[in-house]
């Protein structure tokens, strides 16, 4: 009986040690994943009321708020005024139902400047599907959005210049040979209307 008890105690001890080793390995993996995430993404955690309880260094750096200034604040602190009320209503309805929400968001930093983030919010819920907290993972896409805006501005300026040009201008898509732009002078020269000039082969 003493031998059996000793063996059982030894087996329990070995299982406990294996459990500790597995836990340590899991924690090490989580630490590596967190480090990788922190290097790339802006990460913030909010409670069920939307109050920030955690923000990583990158989140603070891009938003220009210190961690102390962010803790306890709601996400409204970043409201740029760009998005509609319906945009945020959809956000809260989605995560309130325990579903993941994703969109590009224009935020206002502490100094009044604007920045864009590709945002994913993951709700963590209890067994009754009630939200316990929300984890926001954001990627800074400000440079890409600025490049897009610059390109759109350049295209608008080009179209304006072509539109008022006294020279006939037509632009065709190389792959299909279909005309995608024609200025008024082109339509006048070929005795056609603008809608007919555009889209013609």
N, C-alpha and C. Protein backbone atom coordinates (compact mmCIF):
# COMPACT_ATOMS: atom_id res chain seq x y z
N UNK A 1 0.83 -1.21 0.00
CA UNK A 1 0.00 0.00 0.00
C UNK A 1 0.86 1.25 0.00
N UNK A 2 1.95 1.18 0.78
CA UNK A 2 2.86 2.32 0.85
C UNK A 2 3.52 2.56 -0.49
N UNK A 3 3.88 1.46 -1.18
CA UNK A 3 4.52 1.58 -2.49
C UNK A 3 3.55 2.18 -3.50
N UNK A 4 2.29 1.69 -3.49
CA UNK A 4 1.27 2.20 -4.41
C UNK A 4 1.02 3.67 -4.16
N UNK A 5 0.92 4.05 -2.89
CA UNK A 5 0.70 5.46 -2.54
C UNK A 5 1.86 6.31 -3.01
N UNK A 6 3.06 5.80 -2.85
CA UNK A 6 4.25 6.54 -3.28
C UNK A 6 4.27 6.72 -4.79
N UNK A 7 3.89 5.65 -5.50
CA UNK A 7 3.86 5.72 -6.96
C UNK A 7 2.81 6.74 -7.43
N UNK A 8 1.66 6.72 -6.75
CA UNK A 8 0.61 7.66 -7.12
C UNK A 8 1.06 9.11 -6.85
N UNK A 9 1.72 9.29 -5.74
CA UNK A 9 2.21 10.63 -5.39
C UNK A 9 3.26 11.09 -6.40
N UNK A 10 4.13 10.13 -6.78
CA UNK A 10 5.15 10.46 -7.78
C UNK A 10 4.52 10.81 -9.12
N UNK A 11 3.49 10.01 -9.52
CA UNK A 11 2.79 10.26 -10.78
C UNK A 11 2.11 11.63 -10.75
N UNK A 12 1.48 11.96 -9.64
CA UNK A 12 0.81 13.27 -9.51
C UNK A 12 1.84 14.39 -9.59
N UNK A 13 2.99 14.16 -8.97
CA UNK A 13 4.05 15.17 -9.00
C UNK A 13 4.56 15.38 -10.42
N UNK A 14 4.74 14.29 -11.15
CA UNK A 14 5.22 14.39 -12.52
C UNK A 14 4.20 15.09 -13.42
N UNK A 15 2.90 14.79 -13.21
CA UNK A 15 1.86 15.45 -13.98
C UNK A 15 1.84 16.95 -13.70
N UNK A 16 2.03 17.30 -12.44
CA UNK A 16 2.07 18.71 -12.06
C UNK A 16 3.25 19.41 -12.71
N UNK A 17 4.40 18.73 -12.75
CA UNK A 17 5.60 19.31 -13.36
C UNK A 17 5.41 19.49 -14.86
N UNK A 18 4.78 18.46 -15.49
CA UNK A 18 4.49 18.57 -16.92
C UNK A 18 3.53 19.72 -17.18
N UNK A 19 2.54 19.87 -16.30
CA UNK A 19 1.59 20.98 -16.43
C UNK A 19 2.28 22.32 -16.32
N UNK A 20 3.23 22.43 -15.40
CA UNK A 20 3.98 23.68 -15.23
C UNK A 20 4.82 23.96 -16.48
N UNK A 21 5.44 22.90 -17.02
CA UNK A 21 6.28 23.07 -18.20
C UNK A 21 5.44 23.51 -19.40
N UNK A 22 4.25 22.89 -19.56
CA UNK A 22 3.37 23.26 -20.66
C UNK A 22 2.88 24.70 -20.51
N UNK A 23 2.56 25.08 -19.26
CA UNK A 23 2.12 26.45 -19.00
C UNK A 23 3.23 27.45 -19.31
N UNK A 24 4.45 27.11 -18.90
CA UNK A 24 5.59 28.00 -19.16
C UNK A 24 5.83 28.15 -20.66
N UNK A 25 5.69 27.02 -21.40
CA UNK A 25 5.87 27.07 -22.86
C UNK A 25 4.79 27.92 -23.51
N UNK A 26 3.55 27.77 -23.03
CA UNK A 26 2.44 28.56 -23.57
C UNK A 26 2.63 30.04 -23.28
N UNK A 27 3.06 30.36 -22.07
CA UNK A 27 3.31 31.75 -21.71
C UNK A 27 4.43 32.36 -22.55
N UNK A 28 5.45 31.54 -22.84
CA UNK A 28 6.55 32.02 -23.68
C UNK A 28 6.06 32.34 -25.09
N UNK A 29 5.19 31.46 -25.62
CA UNK A 29 4.62 31.71 -26.95
C UNK A 29 3.78 32.97 -26.96
N UNK A 30 2.96 33.14 -25.92
CA UNK A 30 2.12 34.35 -25.81
C UNK A 30 2.99 35.59 -25.74
N UNK A 31 4.09 35.51 -25.01
CA UNK A 31 5.00 36.65 -24.88
C UNK A 31 5.61 37.02 -26.23
N UNK A 32 5.98 36.01 -27.02
CA UNK A 32 6.56 36.26 -28.34
C UNK A 32 5.51 36.87 -29.27
N UNK A 33 4.29 36.31 -29.23
CA UNK A 33 3.21 36.85 -30.07
C UNK A 33 2.88 38.29 -29.69
N UNK A 34 2.86 38.57 -28.39
CA UNK A 34 2.58 39.94 -27.93
C UNK A 34 3.67 40.89 -28.39
N UNK A 35 4.92 40.45 -28.31
CA UNK A 35 6.04 41.28 -28.75
C UNK A 35 5.91 41.59 -30.24
N UNK A 36 5.59 40.56 -31.04
CA UNK A 36 5.44 40.76 -32.49
C UNK A 36 4.28 41.71 -32.78
N UNK A 37 3.18 41.53 -32.06
CA UNK A 37 2.00 42.38 -32.25
C UNK A 37 2.29 43.82 -31.86
N UNK A 38 2.98 44.00 -30.75
CA UNK A 38 3.30 45.35 -30.27
C UNK A 38 4.23 46.10 -31.23
N UNK A 39 5.09 45.36 -31.91
CA UNK A 39 6.02 46.00 -32.84
C UNK A 39 5.30 46.54 -34.07
N UNK A 40 4.22 45.89 -34.48
CA UNK A 40 3.54 46.24 -35.72
C UNK A 40 2.26 47.03 -35.51
N UNK A 41 1.50 46.69 -34.47
CA UNK A 41 0.14 47.21 -34.34
C UNK A 41 -0.04 48.13 -33.13
N UNK A 42 -1.08 48.96 -33.25
CA UNK A 42 -1.54 49.75 -32.13
C UNK A 42 -2.59 48.89 -31.44
N UNK A 43 -2.39 48.59 -30.17
CA UNK A 43 -3.30 47.71 -29.45
C UNK A 43 -3.88 48.42 -28.24
N UNK A 44 -5.19 48.34 -28.09
CA UNK A 44 -5.85 48.91 -26.91
C UNK A 44 -6.95 47.96 -26.47
N UNK A 45 -7.19 47.94 -25.17
CA UNK A 45 -8.26 47.12 -24.60
C UNK A 45 -9.21 48.05 -23.86
N UNK A 46 -10.51 47.83 -24.08
CA UNK A 46 -11.53 48.63 -23.39
C UNK A 46 -12.46 47.71 -22.63
N UNK A 47 -13.03 48.21 -21.53
CA UNK A 47 -13.98 47.41 -20.77
C UNK A 47 -15.34 47.40 -21.45
N UNK A 48 -16.33 46.77 -20.83
CA UNK A 48 -17.64 46.63 -21.46
C UNK A 48 -18.35 47.96 -21.68
N UNK A 49 -17.86 49.01 -21.02
CA UNK A 49 -18.44 50.35 -21.19
C UNK A 49 -17.67 51.19 -22.21
N UNK A 50 -16.64 50.60 -22.81
CA UNK A 50 -15.85 51.31 -23.81
C UNK A 50 -14.74 52.17 -23.24
N UNK A 51 -14.44 52.01 -21.96
CA UNK A 51 -13.36 52.78 -21.34
C UNK A 51 -12.03 52.03 -21.50
N UNK A 52 -11.01 52.76 -21.90
CA UNK A 52 -9.71 52.14 -22.17
C UNK A 52 -9.05 51.67 -20.87
N UNK A 53 -8.64 50.40 -20.86
CA UNK A 53 -7.96 49.83 -19.70
C UNK A 53 -6.50 49.48 -20.00
N UNK A 54 -6.16 49.48 -21.29
CA UNK A 54 -4.77 49.17 -21.69
C UNK A 54 -4.50 49.79 -23.04
N UNK A 55 -3.29 50.30 -23.21
CA UNK A 55 -2.83 50.79 -24.53
C UNK A 55 -1.34 50.51 -24.63
N UNK A 56 -0.92 49.92 -25.74
CA UNK A 56 0.51 49.63 -25.88
C UNK A 56 1.29 50.89 -26.30
N UNK A 57 2.61 50.77 -26.31
CA UNK A 57 3.47 51.93 -26.59
C UNK A 57 3.19 52.53 -27.97
N UNK A 58 2.97 51.66 -28.95
CA UNK A 58 2.74 52.14 -30.31
C UNK A 58 1.42 52.91 -30.41
N UNK A 59 0.42 52.46 -29.70
CA UNK A 59 -0.86 53.17 -29.66
C UNK A 59 -0.66 54.57 -29.09
N UNK A 60 0.10 54.66 -28.01
CA UNK A 60 0.37 55.96 -27.38
C UNK A 60 1.18 56.85 -28.32
N UNK A 61 2.16 56.27 -29.00
CA UNK A 61 3.04 57.04 -29.88
C UNK A 61 2.26 57.66 -31.03
N UNK A 62 1.39 56.89 -31.67
CA UNK A 62 0.65 57.39 -32.83
C UNK A 62 -0.44 58.37 -32.41
N UNK A 63 -1.13 58.08 -31.31
CA UNK A 63 -2.21 58.96 -30.85
C UNK A 63 -1.68 60.20 -30.13
N UNK A 64 -0.40 60.14 -29.73
CA UNK A 64 0.28 61.23 -29.03
C UNK A 64 -0.28 61.49 -27.63
N UNK A 65 -0.97 60.50 -27.08
CA UNK A 65 -1.43 60.55 -25.69
C UNK A 65 -0.53 59.65 -24.85
N UNK A 66 -0.27 60.05 -23.62
CA UNK A 66 0.45 59.16 -22.72
C UNK A 66 -0.52 58.08 -22.24
N UNK A 67 0.04 56.99 -21.75
CA UNK A 67 -0.82 55.90 -21.27
C UNK A 67 -1.71 56.37 -20.13
N UNK A 68 -1.16 57.20 -19.26
CA UNK A 68 -1.92 57.72 -18.13
C UNK A 68 -3.11 58.57 -18.60
N UNK A 69 -2.92 59.32 -19.69
CA UNK A 69 -4.00 60.14 -20.23
C UNK A 69 -5.10 59.29 -20.87
N UNK A 70 -4.73 58.13 -21.37
CA UNK A 70 -5.70 57.29 -22.08
C UNK A 70 -6.54 56.42 -21.15
N UNK A 71 -5.93 55.91 -20.08
CA UNK A 71 -6.64 54.98 -19.21
C UNK A 71 -7.89 55.63 -18.62
N UNK A 72 -9.00 54.93 -18.78
CA UNK A 72 -10.27 55.44 -18.27
C UNK A 72 -11.04 56.29 -19.26
N UNK A 73 -10.40 56.63 -20.39
CA UNK A 73 -11.06 57.44 -21.42
C UNK A 73 -11.85 56.55 -22.38
N UNK A 74 -12.88 57.13 -22.99
CA UNK A 74 -13.62 56.44 -24.04
C UNK A 74 -12.98 56.73 -25.38
N UNK A 75 -13.35 55.96 -26.39
CA UNK A 75 -12.77 56.14 -27.73
C UNK A 75 -13.18 57.45 -28.37
N UNK A 76 -14.17 58.14 -27.79
CA UNK A 76 -14.59 59.42 -28.34
C UNK A 76 -13.48 60.45 -28.30
N UNK A 77 -12.49 60.20 -27.46
CA UNK A 77 -11.36 61.13 -27.37
C UNK A 77 -10.63 61.26 -28.71
N UNK A 78 -10.79 60.24 -29.59
CA UNK A 78 -10.11 60.25 -30.89
C UNK A 78 -11.01 60.71 -32.03
N UNK A 79 -12.26 61.07 -31.72
CA UNK A 79 -13.23 61.39 -32.76
C UNK A 79 -12.76 62.56 -33.62
N UNK A 80 -12.61 62.31 -34.91
CA UNK A 80 -12.12 63.34 -35.84
C UNK A 80 -13.24 64.15 -36.44
N UNK A 81 -14.49 63.69 -36.26
CA UNK A 81 -15.63 64.35 -36.88
C UNK A 81 -15.84 63.94 -38.33
N UNK A 82 -15.02 63.02 -38.81
CA UNK A 82 -15.08 62.60 -40.21
C UNK A 82 -16.21 61.60 -40.45
N UNK A 83 -16.40 60.67 -39.51
CA UNK A 83 -17.37 59.59 -39.72
C UNK A 83 -18.76 59.98 -39.22
N UNK A 84 -19.77 59.36 -39.80
CA UNK A 84 -21.15 59.65 -39.45
C UNK A 84 -21.55 58.97 -38.15
N UNK A 85 -22.68 59.39 -37.60
CA UNK A 85 -23.21 58.76 -36.40
C UNK A 85 -23.57 57.31 -36.69
N UNK A 86 -24.06 57.05 -37.91
CA UNK A 86 -24.43 55.69 -38.29
C UNK A 86 -23.22 54.76 -38.31
N UNK A 87 -22.07 55.32 -38.68
CA UNK A 87 -20.83 54.55 -38.71
C UNK A 87 -20.54 53.98 -37.32
N UNK A 88 -20.65 54.83 -36.30
CA UNK A 88 -20.35 54.38 -34.94
C UNK A 88 -21.49 53.53 -34.36
N UNK A 89 -22.71 53.80 -34.78
CA UNK A 89 -23.84 52.97 -34.34
C UNK A 89 -23.65 51.54 -34.81
N UNK A 90 -23.19 51.39 -36.07
CA UNK A 90 -22.92 50.07 -36.62
C UNK A 90 -21.80 49.38 -35.85
N UNK A 91 -20.78 50.15 -35.49
CA UNK A 91 -19.66 49.60 -34.72
C UNK A 91 -20.17 48.99 -33.42
N UNK A 92 -20.91 49.80 -32.63
CA UNK A 92 -21.35 49.35 -31.31
C UNK A 92 -22.38 48.23 -31.41
N UNK A 93 -23.21 48.27 -32.42
CA UNK A 93 -24.18 47.19 -32.59
C UNK A 93 -23.47 45.88 -32.91
N UNK A 94 -22.46 45.95 -33.77
CA UNK A 94 -21.72 44.75 -34.18
C UNK A 94 -21.00 44.11 -33.00
N UNK A 95 -20.19 44.91 -32.29
CA UNK A 95 -19.41 44.32 -31.18
C UNK A 95 -20.32 44.00 -29.99
N UNK A 96 -21.43 44.75 -29.86
CA UNK A 96 -22.38 44.46 -28.79
C UNK A 96 -23.05 43.11 -28.96
N UNK A 97 -23.12 42.65 -30.22
CA UNK A 97 -23.68 41.33 -30.52
C UNK A 97 -22.62 40.24 -30.50
N UNK A 98 -21.41 40.62 -30.09
CA UNK A 98 -20.34 39.63 -29.97
C UNK A 98 -19.65 39.31 -31.27
N UNK A 99 -19.83 40.16 -32.29
CA UNK A 99 -19.21 39.93 -33.59
C UNK A 99 -18.01 40.87 -33.79
N UNK A 100 -17.06 40.42 -34.61
CA UNK A 100 -15.86 41.21 -34.91
C UNK A 100 -16.24 42.35 -35.86
N UNK A 101 -15.69 43.53 -35.61
CA UNK A 101 -15.95 44.71 -36.46
C UNK A 101 -14.63 45.16 -37.09
N UNK A 102 -14.67 45.52 -38.38
CA UNK A 102 -13.46 45.95 -39.07
C UNK A 102 -13.78 47.10 -40.01
N UNK A 103 -12.94 48.14 -39.99
CA UNK A 103 -13.12 49.28 -40.89
C UNK A 103 -11.88 50.17 -40.81
N UNK A 104 -11.78 51.09 -41.77
CA UNK A 104 -10.73 52.11 -41.74
C UNK A 104 -11.30 53.33 -41.03
N UNK A 105 -10.55 53.83 -40.05
CA UNK A 105 -11.05 54.90 -39.19
C UNK A 105 -10.08 56.09 -39.21
N UNK A 106 -10.65 57.29 -39.36
CA UNK A 106 -9.86 58.51 -39.28
C UNK A 106 -9.97 59.04 -37.86
N UNK A 107 -8.83 59.14 -37.17
CA UNK A 107 -8.80 59.60 -35.78
C UNK A 107 -8.09 60.94 -35.64
N UNK A 108 -8.35 61.60 -34.53
CA UNK A 108 -7.65 62.84 -34.19
C UNK A 108 -6.67 62.56 -33.05
N UNK A 109 -5.41 62.95 -33.24
CA UNK A 109 -4.39 62.77 -32.22
C UNK A 109 -4.48 63.90 -31.18
N UNK A 110 -3.72 63.77 -30.13
CA UNK A 110 -3.75 64.75 -29.04
C UNK A 110 -3.40 66.15 -29.51
N UNK A 111 -2.49 66.26 -30.49
CA UNK A 111 -2.06 67.57 -30.98
C UNK A 111 -2.98 68.14 -32.05
N UNK A 112 -4.09 67.44 -32.33
CA UNK A 112 -5.04 67.94 -33.32
C UNK A 112 -4.82 67.41 -34.73
N UNK A 113 -3.71 66.73 -34.96
CA UNK A 113 -3.45 66.16 -36.27
C UNK A 113 -4.32 64.92 -36.46
N UNK A 114 -4.46 64.51 -37.72
CA UNK A 114 -5.29 63.35 -38.03
C UNK A 114 -4.44 62.16 -38.46
N UNK A 115 -4.91 60.98 -38.16
CA UNK A 115 -4.24 59.76 -38.61
C UNK A 115 -5.30 58.70 -38.90
N UNK A 116 -4.97 57.80 -39.82
CA UNK A 116 -5.88 56.74 -40.25
C UNK A 116 -5.39 55.40 -39.72
N UNK A 117 -6.33 54.57 -39.26
CA UNK A 117 -5.98 53.22 -38.83
C UNK A 117 -6.95 52.21 -39.43
N UNK A 118 -6.41 51.09 -39.87
CA UNK A 118 -7.22 49.94 -40.27
C UNK A 118 -7.51 49.20 -38.98
N UNK A 119 -8.77 49.20 -38.55
CA UNK A 119 -9.14 48.76 -37.21
C UNK A 119 -9.92 47.46 -37.21
N UNK A 120 -9.54 46.58 -36.29
CA UNK A 120 -10.31 45.36 -36.01
C UNK A 120 -10.59 45.34 -34.52
N UNK A 121 -11.87 45.23 -34.15
CA UNK A 121 -12.24 45.16 -32.74
C UNK A 121 -12.84 43.79 -32.46
N UNK A 122 -12.23 43.09 -31.51
CA UNK A 122 -12.67 41.75 -31.15
C UNK A 122 -13.33 41.80 -29.78
N UNK A 123 -14.62 41.46 -29.68
CA UNK A 123 -15.29 41.43 -28.38
C UNK A 123 -15.03 40.10 -27.66
N UNK A 124 -14.75 40.17 -26.36
CA UNK A 124 -14.63 38.98 -25.55
C UNK A 124 -15.89 38.89 -24.70
N UNK A 125 -16.63 37.80 -24.83
CA UNK A 125 -17.93 37.69 -24.19
C UNK A 125 -17.96 36.54 -23.19
N UNK A 126 -18.93 36.61 -22.27
CA UNK A 126 -19.13 35.52 -21.31
C UNK A 126 -20.05 34.46 -21.93
N UNK A 127 -20.32 33.37 -21.23
CA UNK A 127 -21.18 32.33 -21.81
C UNK A 127 -22.57 32.81 -22.22
N UNK A 128 -23.02 33.92 -21.63
CA UNK A 128 -24.33 34.48 -21.98
C UNK A 128 -24.24 35.48 -23.14
N UNK A 129 -23.05 35.51 -23.78
CA UNK A 129 -22.79 36.40 -24.92
C UNK A 129 -22.83 37.88 -24.54
N UNK A 130 -22.54 38.17 -23.29
CA UNK A 130 -22.45 39.55 -22.84
C UNK A 130 -20.99 39.98 -22.88
N UNK A 131 -20.74 41.18 -23.41
CA UNK A 131 -19.36 41.65 -23.58
C UNK A 131 -18.68 41.89 -22.24
N UNK A 132 -17.47 41.37 -22.13
CA UNK A 132 -16.64 41.61 -20.94
C UNK A 132 -15.62 42.69 -21.21
N UNK A 133 -15.04 42.66 -22.41
CA UNK A 133 -14.08 43.67 -22.84
C UNK A 133 -13.89 43.59 -24.35
N UNK A 134 -13.27 44.62 -24.89
CA UNK A 134 -13.04 44.71 -26.33
C UNK A 134 -11.56 44.93 -26.57
N UNK A 135 -11.00 44.17 -27.50
CA UNK A 135 -9.60 44.33 -27.89
C UNK A 135 -9.56 44.96 -29.27
N UNK A 136 -8.94 46.13 -29.36
CA UNK A 136 -8.80 46.82 -30.64
C UNK A 136 -7.38 46.66 -31.17
N UNK A 137 -7.27 46.15 -32.39
CA UNK A 137 -5.97 46.01 -33.05
C UNK A 137 -5.99 46.92 -34.27
N UNK A 138 -5.07 47.86 -34.32
CA UNK A 138 -5.09 48.89 -35.35
C UNK A 138 -3.76 48.92 -36.10
N UNK A 139 -3.85 49.13 -37.41
CA UNK A 139 -2.65 49.31 -38.24
C UNK A 139 -2.66 50.72 -38.79
N UNK A 140 -1.56 51.43 -38.60
CA UNK A 140 -1.45 52.82 -39.07
C UNK A 140 -1.36 52.83 -40.60
N UNK A 141 -2.36 53.41 -41.25
CA UNK A 141 -2.39 53.46 -42.72
C UNK A 141 -2.40 54.91 -43.21
N UNK A 142 -1.92 55.82 -42.36
CA UNK A 142 -1.96 57.25 -42.68
C UNK A 142 -1.23 57.56 -43.98
N UNK A 143 -0.05 57.01 -44.17
CA UNK A 143 0.74 57.30 -45.37
C UNK A 143 0.01 56.83 -46.63
N UNK A 144 -0.61 55.66 -46.55
CA UNK A 144 -1.34 55.15 -47.72
C UNK A 144 -2.54 56.03 -48.05
N UNK A 145 -3.27 56.46 -47.02
CA UNK A 145 -4.43 57.32 -47.25
C UNK A 145 -4.00 58.68 -47.81
N UNK A 146 -2.88 59.20 -47.32
CA UNK A 146 -2.38 60.48 -47.83
C UNK A 146 -1.96 60.34 -49.29
N UNK A 147 -1.34 59.21 -49.63
CA UNK A 147 -0.93 58.97 -51.03
C UNK A 147 -2.16 58.87 -51.93
N UNK A 148 -3.20 58.19 -51.45
CA UNK A 148 -4.44 58.08 -52.23
C UNK A 148 -5.07 59.45 -52.46
N UNK A 149 -5.10 60.27 -51.39
CA UNK A 149 -5.69 61.60 -51.49
C UNK A 149 -4.90 62.46 -52.46
N UNK A 150 -3.57 62.34 -52.42
CA UNK A 150 -2.71 63.10 -53.31
C UNK A 150 -2.94 62.69 -54.76
N UNK A 151 -3.06 61.38 -54.99
CA UNK A 151 -3.30 60.87 -56.34
C UNK A 151 -4.66 61.35 -56.87
N UNK A 152 -5.68 61.29 -56.02
CA UNK A 152 -7.02 61.75 -56.43
C UNK A 152 -7.01 63.23 -56.76
N UNK A 153 -6.25 64.01 -55.96
CA UNK A 153 -6.15 65.44 -56.21
C UNK A 153 -5.46 65.71 -57.54
N UNK A 154 -4.39 64.96 -57.81
CA UNK A 154 -3.66 65.12 -59.07
C UNK A 154 -4.54 64.75 -60.26
N UNK A 155 -5.31 63.66 -60.13
CA UNK A 155 -6.19 63.25 -61.21
C UNK A 155 -7.27 64.30 -61.46
N UNK A 156 -7.80 64.89 -60.38
CA UNK A 156 -8.84 65.92 -60.53
C UNK A 156 -8.27 67.15 -61.24
N UNK A 157 -7.04 67.53 -60.87
CA UNK A 157 -6.41 68.68 -61.52
C UNK A 157 -6.16 68.40 -63.00
N UNK A 158 -5.71 67.18 -63.30
CA UNK A 158 -5.45 66.81 -64.69
C UNK A 158 -6.73 66.85 -65.52
N UNK A 159 -7.81 66.30 -64.95
CA UNK A 159 -9.08 66.29 -65.66
C UNK A 159 -9.59 67.72 -65.91
N UNK A 160 -9.38 68.58 -64.91
CA UNK A 160 -9.81 69.98 -65.07
C UNK A 160 -9.03 70.66 -66.20
N UNK A 161 -7.71 70.45 -66.20
CA UNK A 161 -6.88 71.06 -67.24
C UNK A 161 -7.26 70.55 -68.63
N UNK A 162 -7.50 69.24 -68.73
CA UNK A 162 -7.91 68.67 -70.01
C UNK A 162 -9.27 69.20 -70.45
N UNK A 163 -10.16 69.38 -69.45
CA UNK A 163 -11.53 69.83 -69.77
C UNK A 163 -11.55 71.23 -70.37
N UNK A 164 -10.65 72.10 -69.90
CA UNK A 164 -10.64 73.49 -70.39
C UNK A 164 -9.63 73.69 -71.52
N UNK A 165 -8.94 72.62 -71.88
CA UNK A 165 -7.93 72.74 -72.93
C UNK A 165 -8.57 73.01 -74.29
N UNK A 166 -7.98 73.91 -75.08
CA UNK A 166 -8.48 74.16 -76.44
C UNK A 166 -8.07 73.05 -77.42
N UNK A 167 -7.23 72.13 -76.94
CA UNK A 167 -6.76 71.01 -77.76
C UNK A 167 -7.62 69.78 -77.47
N UNK A 168 -8.00 69.05 -78.50
CA UNK A 168 -8.79 67.83 -78.32
C UNK A 168 -7.97 66.78 -77.58
N UNK A 169 -8.53 66.23 -76.48
CA UNK A 169 -7.83 65.24 -75.67
C UNK A 169 -8.73 64.02 -75.47
N UNK A 170 -8.15 62.85 -75.69
CA UNK A 170 -8.86 61.60 -75.49
C UNK A 170 -7.91 60.61 -74.81
N UNK A 171 -8.42 59.89 -73.82
CA UNK A 171 -7.61 58.89 -73.11
C UNK A 171 -8.28 57.53 -73.28
N UNK A 172 -7.49 56.54 -73.71
CA UNK A 172 -8.01 55.20 -73.92
C UNK A 172 -7.30 54.21 -73.01
N UNK A 173 -8.04 53.17 -72.58
CA UNK A 173 -7.46 52.09 -71.80
C UNK A 173 -6.72 51.15 -72.75
N UNK A 174 -5.44 50.92 -72.46
CA UNK A 174 -4.61 50.13 -73.36
C UNK A 174 -5.13 48.72 -73.57
N UNK A 175 -5.61 48.10 -72.48
CA UNK A 175 -6.01 46.70 -72.57
C UNK A 175 -7.24 46.48 -73.45
N UNK A 176 -8.19 47.44 -73.43
CA UNK A 176 -9.44 47.25 -74.17
C UNK A 176 -9.62 48.23 -75.33
N UNK A 177 -8.73 49.22 -75.39
CA UNK A 177 -8.83 50.27 -76.41
C UNK A 177 -10.11 51.10 -76.25
N UNK A 178 -10.71 51.02 -75.09
CA UNK A 178 -11.94 51.77 -74.84
C UNK A 178 -11.60 53.16 -74.31
N UNK A 179 -12.30 54.15 -74.82
CA UNK A 179 -12.06 55.53 -74.39
C UNK A 179 -12.65 55.75 -73.01
N UNK A 180 -11.83 56.25 -72.07
CA UNK A 180 -12.29 56.48 -70.70
C UNK A 180 -12.41 57.97 -70.38
N UNK A 181 -11.87 58.81 -71.25
CA UNK A 181 -12.00 60.25 -71.04
C UNK A 181 -11.90 60.98 -72.38
N UNK A 182 -12.71 62.00 -72.51
CA UNK A 182 -12.63 62.88 -73.68
C UNK A 182 -13.06 64.27 -73.24
N UNK A 183 -12.32 65.28 -73.68
CA UNK A 183 -12.69 66.63 -73.26
C UNK A 183 -13.72 67.23 -74.24
N UNK A 184 -14.35 68.34 -73.86
CA UNK A 184 -15.36 68.96 -74.73
C UNK A 184 -14.86 69.28 -76.13
N UNK A 185 -13.60 69.69 -76.23
CA UNK A 185 -13.05 70.02 -77.55
C UNK A 185 -13.01 68.79 -78.45
N UNK A 186 -12.72 67.61 -77.87
CA UNK A 186 -12.70 66.37 -78.63
C UNK A 186 -14.10 66.07 -79.16
N UNK A 187 -15.12 66.21 -78.28
CA UNK A 187 -16.50 65.94 -78.70
C UNK A 187 -16.93 66.90 -79.80
N UNK A 188 -16.51 68.16 -79.67
CA UNK A 188 -16.86 69.16 -80.67
C UNK A 188 -16.19 68.84 -82.01
N UNK A 189 -14.93 68.46 -81.97
CA UNK A 189 -14.18 68.19 -83.19
C UNK A 189 -14.77 67.01 -83.96
N UNK A 190 -15.23 65.98 -83.23
CA UNK A 190 -15.76 64.79 -83.89
C UNK A 190 -17.29 64.78 -83.93
N UNK A 191 -17.85 65.95 -83.66
CA UNK A 191 -19.30 66.16 -83.81
C UNK A 191 -20.12 65.10 -83.06
N UNK A 192 -19.79 64.95 -81.77
CA UNK A 192 -20.51 63.99 -80.94
C UNK A 192 -20.73 64.60 -79.56
N UNK A 193 -21.47 63.91 -78.72
CA UNK A 193 -21.72 64.39 -77.35
C UNK A 193 -20.71 63.74 -76.41
N UNK A 194 -20.53 64.34 -75.26
CA UNK A 194 -19.57 63.80 -74.29
C UNK A 194 -19.86 62.36 -73.90
N UNK A 195 -21.12 62.01 -73.52
CA UNK A 195 -21.38 60.60 -73.15
C UNK A 195 -21.05 59.61 -74.27
N UNK A 196 -21.32 60.02 -75.52
CA UNK A 196 -21.03 59.11 -76.64
C UNK A 196 -19.53 59.03 -76.89
N UNK A 197 -18.84 60.15 -76.68
CA UNK A 197 -17.38 60.16 -76.92
C UNK A 197 -16.68 59.24 -75.91
N UNK A 198 -17.15 59.28 -74.66
CA UNK A 198 -16.54 58.44 -73.63
C UNK A 198 -17.17 57.05 -73.71
N UNK A 199 -16.35 56.04 -73.73
CA UNK A 199 -16.83 54.67 -73.82
C UNK A 199 -16.77 54.11 -75.21
N UNK A 200 -16.58 55.01 -76.21
CA UNK A 200 -16.50 54.52 -77.58
C UNK A 200 -15.15 53.89 -77.86
N UNK A 201 -15.11 52.98 -78.82
CA UNK A 201 -13.85 52.35 -79.22
C UNK A 201 -13.11 53.26 -80.19
